Each structure stands twice: as structure tokens, then as C-alpha cells.
């Protein structure tokens, strides 16, 4: 095995920064309530019922927002 070069590490870091920037931009395009659901779920790690309580919406609405957000982000970012 060959050691990973600093150039490869720098390239990987650059690619990761680009991916994160695209994700952040795509998240900003989501409707506010949908974006808030995503932040509570994926950033803060809340469970569906916790999100529903915090946002004063139903669990079904939370599920719908997260499903639609994932769908929109996949379409926007072109990933599966």
C-alpha cells in the first residue's frame, strides 16, 4: 500500500467543501417549515414526535416535509 499523498487529501477536502456548499444552497431553497424539519431531524437529531411537538405540527406533516425535502434535494443535487 502506498501512503495517500497530500495532493490527494487536498483534492478530497476541496470536493467535500464543494458538496457541502451545494447542499447548504439547496437547503436554503426549501420552504421554511420544510427546512426547519430537516434541521431539527438531521442537524439536531430530534425524533419525529419531538419535531412535531417543537413545531406544533402533526407527525404526518413532519414525515411529509422530510420525504419531500429528500426528494427535492436528490433532484437538485443529482444523487441517489
N, C-alpha and C. Protein backbone atom coordinates (compact mmCIF):
# COMPACT_ATOMS: atom_id res chain seq x y z
N UNK A 1 0.83 -1.19 0.00
CA UNK A 1 0.00 0.00 0.00
C UNK A 1 0.87 1.24 0.00
N UNK A 2 0.44 2.20 -0.79
CA UNK A 2 1.15 3.47 -0.86
C UNK A 2 0.48 4.49 0.04
N UNK A 3 1.26 5.34 0.69
CA UNK A 3 0.64 6.38 1.52
C UNK A 3 -0.13 7.36 0.64
N UNK A 4 -1.20 7.91 1.19
CA UNK A 4 -2.01 8.88 0.46
C UNK A 4 -1.25 10.20 0.41
N UNK A 5 -1.16 10.75 -0.77
CA UNK A 5 -0.40 12.00 -0.92
C UNK A 5 -1.18 13.18 -0.36
N UNK A 6 -0.43 14.23 -0.04
CA UNK A 6 -1.07 15.45 0.45
C UNK A 6 -1.95 16.05 -0.64
N UNK A 7 -1.56 15.88 -1.89
CA UNK A 7 -2.33 16.41 -3.01
C UNK A 7 -3.70 15.72 -3.07
N UNK A 8 -3.73 14.41 -2.86
CA UNK A 8 -4.98 13.68 -2.87
C UNK A 8 -5.86 14.13 -1.72
N UNK A 9 -5.30 14.31 -0.53
CA UNK A 9 -6.05 14.79 0.62
C UNK A 9 -6.62 16.18 0.36
N UNK A 10 -5.84 17.05 -0.26
CA UNK A 10 -6.29 18.40 -0.57
C UNK A 10 -7.45 18.36 -1.57
N UNK A 11 -7.35 17.50 -2.56
CA UNK A 11 -8.42 17.36 -3.56
C UNK A 11 -9.69 16.83 -2.91
N UNK A 12 -9.55 15.81 -2.06
CA UNK A 12 -10.71 15.27 -1.35
C UNK A 12 -11.37 16.33 -0.48
N UNK A 13 -10.57 17.14 0.19
CA UNK A 13 -11.11 18.21 1.02
C UNK A 13 -11.86 19.25 0.20
N UNK A 14 -11.31 19.58 -0.95
CA UNK A 14 -11.94 20.55 -1.83
C UNK A 14 -13.28 20.02 -2.34
N UNK A 15 -13.31 18.77 -2.75
CA UNK A 15 -14.54 18.16 -3.24
C UNK A 15 -15.60 18.13 -2.14
N UNK A 16 -15.19 17.77 -0.94
CA UNK A 16 -16.12 17.73 0.20
C UNK A 16 -16.68 19.12 0.51
N UNK A 17 -15.84 20.14 0.45
CA UNK A 17 -16.31 21.51 0.69
C UNK A 17 -17.33 21.92 -0.36
N UNK A 18 -17.06 21.56 -1.62
CA UNK A 18 -18.00 21.87 -2.71
C UNK A 18 -19.33 21.18 -2.50
N UNK A 19 -19.30 19.91 -2.11
CA UNK A 19 -20.53 19.16 -1.87
C UNK A 19 -21.34 19.78 -0.74
N UNK A 20 -20.66 20.16 0.32
CA UNK A 20 -21.34 20.79 1.46
C UNK A 20 -21.96 22.13 1.05
N UNK A 21 -21.23 22.92 0.27
CA UNK A 21 -21.74 24.21 -0.18
C UNK A 21 -22.99 24.03 -1.04
N UNK A 22 -22.98 23.04 -1.92
CA UNK A 22 -24.16 22.76 -2.75
C UNK A 22 -25.33 22.32 -1.91
N UNK A 23 -25.07 21.49 -0.89
CA UNK A 23 -26.12 21.03 0.00
C UNK A 23 -26.72 22.20 0.78
N UNK A 24 -25.89 23.06 1.31
CA UNK A 24 -26.37 24.22 2.07
C UNK A 24 -27.21 25.12 1.16
N UNK A 25 -26.76 25.35 -0.06
CA UNK A 25 -27.52 26.17 -1.00
C UNK A 25 -28.87 25.54 -1.33
N UNK A 26 -28.89 24.22 -1.54
CA UNK A 26 -30.14 23.52 -1.83
C UNK A 26 -31.09 23.56 -0.64
N UNK A 27 -30.56 23.43 0.56
CA UNK A 27 -31.39 23.51 1.77
C UNK A 27 -32.03 24.89 1.90
N UNK A 28 -31.30 25.93 1.55
CA UNK A 28 -31.83 27.30 1.64
C UNK A 28 -32.99 27.52 0.68
N UNK A 29 -33.07 26.71 -0.38
CA UNK A 29 -34.15 26.86 -1.35
C UNK A 29 -35.44 26.16 -0.91
N UNK A 30 -35.36 25.34 0.13
CA UNK A 30 -36.56 24.66 0.63
C UNK A 30 -37.47 25.66 1.33
N UNK A 31 -38.78 25.39 1.32
CA UNK A 31 -39.68 26.25 2.10
C UNK A 31 -39.26 26.25 3.57
N UNK A 32 -39.50 27.34 4.28
CA UNK A 32 -39.02 27.48 5.66
C UNK A 32 -39.41 26.34 6.60
N UNK A 33 -40.67 25.92 6.59
CA UNK A 33 -41.09 24.86 7.51
C UNK A 33 -40.41 23.54 7.16
N UNK A 34 -40.26 23.27 5.87
CA UNK A 34 -39.60 22.04 5.43
C UNK A 34 -38.12 22.06 5.83
N UNK A 35 -37.49 23.20 5.65
CA UNK A 35 -36.09 23.36 6.03
C UNK A 35 -35.92 23.19 7.54
N UNK A 36 -36.84 23.76 8.30
CA UNK A 36 -36.77 23.63 9.76
C UNK A 36 -36.88 22.17 10.19
N UNK A 37 -37.78 21.41 9.55
CA UNK A 37 -37.90 19.98 9.86
C UNK A 37 -36.57 19.27 9.60
N UNK A 38 -35.94 19.58 8.49
CA UNK A 38 -34.66 18.95 8.14
C UNK A 38 -33.59 19.29 9.17
N UNK A 39 -33.53 20.54 9.55
CA UNK A 39 -32.52 20.95 10.53
C UNK A 39 -32.73 20.26 11.87
N UNK A 40 -33.99 20.18 12.30
CA UNK A 40 -34.28 19.52 13.57
C UNK A 40 -33.96 18.03 13.51
N UNK A 41 -34.24 17.41 12.39
CA UNK A 41 -34.01 15.97 12.26
C UNK A 41 -32.54 15.65 12.05
N UNK A 42 -31.91 16.28 11.07
CA UNK A 42 -30.58 15.86 10.63
C UNK A 42 -29.43 16.60 11.31
N UNK A 43 -29.69 17.80 11.80
CA UNK A 43 -28.64 18.54 12.50
C UNK A 43 -28.74 18.30 14.00
N UNK A 44 -29.96 18.43 14.54
CA UNK A 44 -30.15 18.29 15.98
C UNK A 44 -30.49 16.87 16.40
N UNK A 45 -30.85 16.02 15.43
CA UNK A 45 -31.10 14.61 15.74
C UNK A 45 -32.40 14.33 16.47
N UNK A 46 -33.38 15.22 16.34
CA UNK A 46 -34.65 15.00 17.02
C UNK A 46 -35.45 13.90 16.33
N UNK A 47 -36.31 13.25 17.10
CA UNK A 47 -37.21 12.23 16.57
C UNK A 47 -38.45 12.92 16.01
N UNK A 48 -39.20 12.17 15.19
CA UNK A 48 -40.38 12.76 14.54
C UNK A 48 -41.33 13.40 15.55
N UNK A 49 -41.63 12.70 16.64
CA UNK A 49 -42.60 13.25 17.60
C UNK A 49 -42.03 14.49 18.30
N UNK A 50 -40.72 14.55 18.47
CA UNK A 50 -40.10 15.73 19.08
C UNK A 50 -40.19 16.93 18.14
N UNK A 51 -39.98 16.67 16.85
CA UNK A 51 -40.09 17.73 15.84
C UNK A 51 -41.53 18.24 15.80
N UNK A 52 -42.48 17.31 15.77
CA UNK A 52 -43.89 17.68 15.74
C UNK A 52 -44.26 18.56 16.93
N UNK A 53 -43.80 18.18 18.10
CA UNK A 53 -44.08 18.95 19.31
C UNK A 53 -43.43 20.33 19.25
N UNK A 54 -42.17 20.37 18.86
CA UNK A 54 -41.43 21.64 18.81
C UNK A 54 -42.03 22.61 17.80
N UNK A 55 -42.49 22.06 16.66
CA UNK A 55 -43.02 22.91 15.60
C UNK A 55 -44.53 23.08 15.65
N UNK A 56 -45.17 22.34 16.58
CA UNK A 56 -46.62 22.39 16.73
C UNK A 56 -47.34 21.99 15.43
N UNK A 57 -46.85 20.88 14.86
CA UNK A 57 -47.47 20.28 13.67
C UNK A 57 -47.63 18.79 13.92
N UNK A 58 -48.36 18.11 13.06
CA UNK A 58 -48.58 16.67 13.25
C UNK A 58 -47.35 15.87 12.82
N UNK A 59 -47.26 14.67 13.33
CA UNK A 59 -46.17 13.78 12.93
C UNK A 59 -46.26 13.49 11.44
N UNK A 60 -47.48 13.35 10.93
CA UNK A 60 -47.66 13.11 9.48
C UNK A 60 -47.12 14.27 8.66
N UNK A 61 -47.28 15.48 9.15
CA UNK A 61 -46.73 16.64 8.44
C UNK A 61 -45.20 16.61 8.48
N UNK A 62 -44.65 16.23 9.60
CA UNK A 62 -43.19 16.10 9.72
C UNK A 62 -42.69 15.08 8.69
N UNK A 63 -43.33 13.92 8.65
CA UNK A 63 -42.94 12.87 7.70
C UNK A 63 -43.04 13.36 6.27
N UNK A 64 -44.12 14.06 5.96
CA UNK A 64 -44.31 14.57 4.60
C UNK A 64 -43.23 15.59 4.24
N UNK A 65 -42.94 16.50 5.17
CA UNK A 65 -41.89 17.50 4.91
C UNK A 65 -40.54 16.84 4.67
N UNK A 66 -40.19 15.88 5.50
CA UNK A 66 -38.89 15.21 5.34
C UNK A 66 -38.82 14.42 4.05
N UNK A 67 -39.91 13.76 3.71
CA UNK A 67 -39.95 12.99 2.45
C UNK A 67 -39.78 13.92 1.25
N UNK A 68 -40.56 15.00 1.23
CA UNK A 68 -40.48 15.94 0.12
C UNK A 68 -39.12 16.64 0.07
N UNK A 69 -38.56 16.95 1.21
CA UNK A 69 -37.24 17.59 1.25
C UNK A 69 -36.19 16.67 0.65
N UNK A 70 -36.21 15.39 1.05
CA UNK A 70 -35.24 14.44 0.49
C UNK A 70 -35.41 14.34 -1.02
N UNK A 71 -36.65 14.27 -1.47
CA UNK A 71 -36.94 14.17 -2.90
C UNK A 71 -36.39 15.39 -3.65
N UNK A 72 -36.66 16.57 -3.13
CA UNK A 72 -36.18 17.81 -3.77
C UNK A 72 -34.66 17.90 -3.77
N UNK A 73 -34.05 17.51 -2.66
CA UNK A 73 -32.58 17.59 -2.58
C UNK A 73 -31.93 16.60 -3.54
N UNK A 74 -32.50 15.41 -3.65
CA UNK A 74 -31.96 14.42 -4.60
C UNK A 74 -32.07 14.96 -6.02
N UNK A 75 -33.22 15.56 -6.36
CA UNK A 75 -33.39 16.13 -7.69
C UNK A 75 -32.40 17.27 -7.93
N UNK A 76 -32.26 18.13 -6.93
CA UNK A 76 -31.38 19.30 -7.06
C UNK A 76 -29.91 18.92 -7.14
N UNK A 77 -29.51 17.94 -6.31
CA UNK A 77 -28.10 17.58 -6.24
C UNK A 77 -27.73 16.45 -7.19
N UNK A 78 -28.74 15.81 -7.77
CA UNK A 78 -28.48 14.75 -8.73
C UNK A 78 -27.86 13.51 -8.14
N UNK A 79 -28.21 13.18 -6.90
CA UNK A 79 -27.66 11.99 -6.25
C UNK A 79 -28.77 11.03 -5.87
N UNK A 80 -28.41 9.76 -5.74
CA UNK A 80 -29.37 8.74 -5.32
C UNK A 80 -29.03 8.22 -3.98
